Protein backbone atom coordinates (compact mmCIF):
# COMPACT_ATOMS: atom_id res chain seq x y z
CA MET A 1 -0.29 0.23 -0.21
CA ALA A 2 1.33 3.05 -1.08
CA GLY A 3 0.91 6.85 1.26
CA GLY A 4 -1.48 7.06 3.77
CA ILE A 5 -1.51 6.79 7.32
CA SER A 6 -3.05 3.80 8.77
CA VAL A 7 -3.91 2.76 12.28
CA HIS A 8 -4.55 -1.06 13.81
CA VAL A 9 -5.04 -1.31 17.94
CA VAL A 10 -5.38 -4.53 19.85
CA ASP A 11 -6.45 -4.73 23.24
CA VAL A 12 -3.53 -6.96 24.59
CA THR A 13 -5.90 -7.43 28.19
CA ARG A 14 -8.58 -9.58 26.33
CA GLY A 15 -6.03 -10.23 22.99
CA LEU A 16 -8.77 -9.00 20.73
CA PRO A 17 -8.98 -5.69 18.30
CA ALA A 18 -9.89 -2.73 19.72
CA ALA A 19 -13.52 -2.41 18.06
CA GLY A 20 -15.30 0.72 19.18
CA MET A 21 -12.21 2.80 20.86
CA LYS A 22 -12.39 6.16 18.85
CA VAL A 23 -9.35 7.51 17.07
CA GLU A 24 -8.32 11.17 15.22
CA ILE A 25 -5.79 12.05 13.22
CA PHE A 26 -4.34 15.89 13.27
CA GLN A 27 -1.73 17.65 11.14
CA LEU A 28 -0.14 20.41 13.50
CA GLY A 29 -1.14 23.27 12.17
CA VAL A 30 -4.77 22.49 10.87
CA PRO A 31 -7.44 23.30 13.25
CA ALA A 32 -9.62 19.89 13.18
CA PRO A 33 -9.06 16.24 12.66
CA ILE A 34 -7.78 15.35 9.28
CA ALA A 35 -9.43 11.91 9.82
CA SER A 36 -11.52 10.66 13.01
CA GLY A 37 -13.40 7.68 14.12
CA ILE A 38 -14.36 4.69 15.89
CA LEU A 39 -12.22 1.67 15.05
CA SER A 40 -14.05 -1.70 13.10
CA SER A 41 -14.43 -4.81 14.65
CA GLN A 42 -10.78 -5.70 12.90
CA GLY A 43 -9.27 -2.65 15.15
CA THR A 44 -8.68 -0.80 12.54
CA LEU A 45 -9.50 3.04 11.13
CA ASP A 46 -11.76 2.91 8.40
CA HIS A 47 -11.03 6.35 6.63
CA PRO A 48 -9.67 7.57 3.22
CA ILE A 49 -6.42 8.57 5.06
CA ALA A 50 -5.75 5.04 5.15
CA HIS A 51 -5.32 4.99 1.20
CA GLY A 52 -3.22 8.32 1.27
CA LYS A 53 -6.14 10.51 1.01
CA ALA A 54 -7.07 13.25 3.65
CA GLN A 55 -10.55 15.58 3.62
CA GLY A 56 -10.15 14.66 -0.38
CA GLU A 57 -6.29 15.46 -0.52
CA LYS A 58 -3.27 13.56 -0.92
CA VAL A 59 -1.02 13.35 2.66
CA GLU A 60 1.47 16.14 2.82
CA PRO A 61 4.37 16.38 4.68
CA GLY A 62 4.30 17.71 8.03
CA ILE A 63 4.00 16.16 11.53
CA TYR A 64 0.98 14.44 12.51
CA LYS A 65 -0.38 13.70 16.01
CA ALA A 66 -2.84 10.75 16.48
CA VAL A 67 -4.87 10.58 19.55
CA PHE A 68 -6.28 7.00 21.06
CA HIS A 69 -9.19 7.63 23.30
CA VAL A 70 -7.71 4.78 25.66
CA GLY A 71 -9.77 5.90 28.98
CA ALA A 72 -12.66 5.74 27.18
CA PHE A 73 -12.56 2.44 25.59
CA TYR A 74 -11.84 0.90 28.70
CA ARG A 75 -14.84 2.34 30.47
CA GLN A 76 -17.43 1.16 27.55
CA LEU A 77 -16.21 -2.04 28.50
CA GLY A 78 -16.99 -2.01 31.99
CA TYR A 79 -13.46 -1.71 33.41
CA PRO A 80 -13.06 0.07 36.59
CA LEU A 81 -11.04 2.64 35.65
CA PRO A 82 -10.16 5.51 38.88
CA ASP A 83 -11.47 9.14 38.36
CA ARG A 84 -7.94 9.53 36.72
CA PRO A 85 -6.95 6.64 35.18
CA PHE A 86 -3.39 5.98 34.18
CA LEU A 87 -4.04 6.30 30.77
CA ASP A 88 -6.85 8.30 29.57
CA VAL A 89 -6.04 9.78 26.16
CA VAL A 90 -2.85 8.96 24.63
CA PRO A 91 -1.54 11.34 22.09
CA PHE A 92 1.24 10.21 19.60
CA ARG A 93 3.46 12.36 17.44
CA PHE A 94 5.53 11.44 14.25
CA GLY A 95 6.67 12.87 10.97
CA ILE A 96 6.03 12.14 7.27
CA ASP A 97 8.53 12.95 5.02
CA ALA A 98 8.34 10.77 2.11
CA ILE A 99 4.63 10.54 1.39
CA GLU A 100 4.87 7.98 -1.35
CA GLN A 101 5.46 6.09 1.57
CA HIS A 102 2.88 4.35 4.11
CA TYR A 103 3.13 4.98 7.58
CA HIS A 104 0.92 2.18 9.86
CA LEU A 105 0.73 2.79 13.31
CA PRO A 106 -0.25 -0.32 15.34
CA LEU A 107 -1.08 0.14 18.96
CA LYS A 108 -0.90 -2.61 21.50
CA VAL A 109 -2.77 -1.54 24.54
CA PRO A 110 -3.75 -2.96 28.17
CA PRO A 111 -5.63 0.18 30.81
CA TRP A 112 -1.79 0.68 32.24
CA GLY A 113 0.42 1.03 29.18
CA PHE A 114 1.02 1.09 25.40
CA SER A 115 3.18 0.27 22.54
CA LEU A 116 3.40 2.13 19.48
CA PHE A 117 5.94 2.00 16.39
CA ARG A 118 6.03 2.45 12.68
CA GLY A 119 4.90 -0.66 11.32
CA GLY A 120 5.20 -2.09 7.29
């Protein structure tokens, strides 16, 4: 897959995709998210940005931020989180220089930590 930004989240406490988690992707300097949605049953964000399109335009070089709503996800599953959970909203900033490359963000998460890297 050439170009674009994709997201795949796995809830490692259950060993399942994080279906239902809210994710937003911002390009710094742009006030509104360029992508936003609820993860599918496969734990992926079904949005044109995954195919190199963001609001009808190609993904451009720049600094981006993916925002994962981890606390709300675990609350909706019924996990007894405190008022101030260890993880609530998890932002991840990353840069895009080569727009012809695909930027895949695989997140592995329990309520108390996460692992996120650029995948293939």
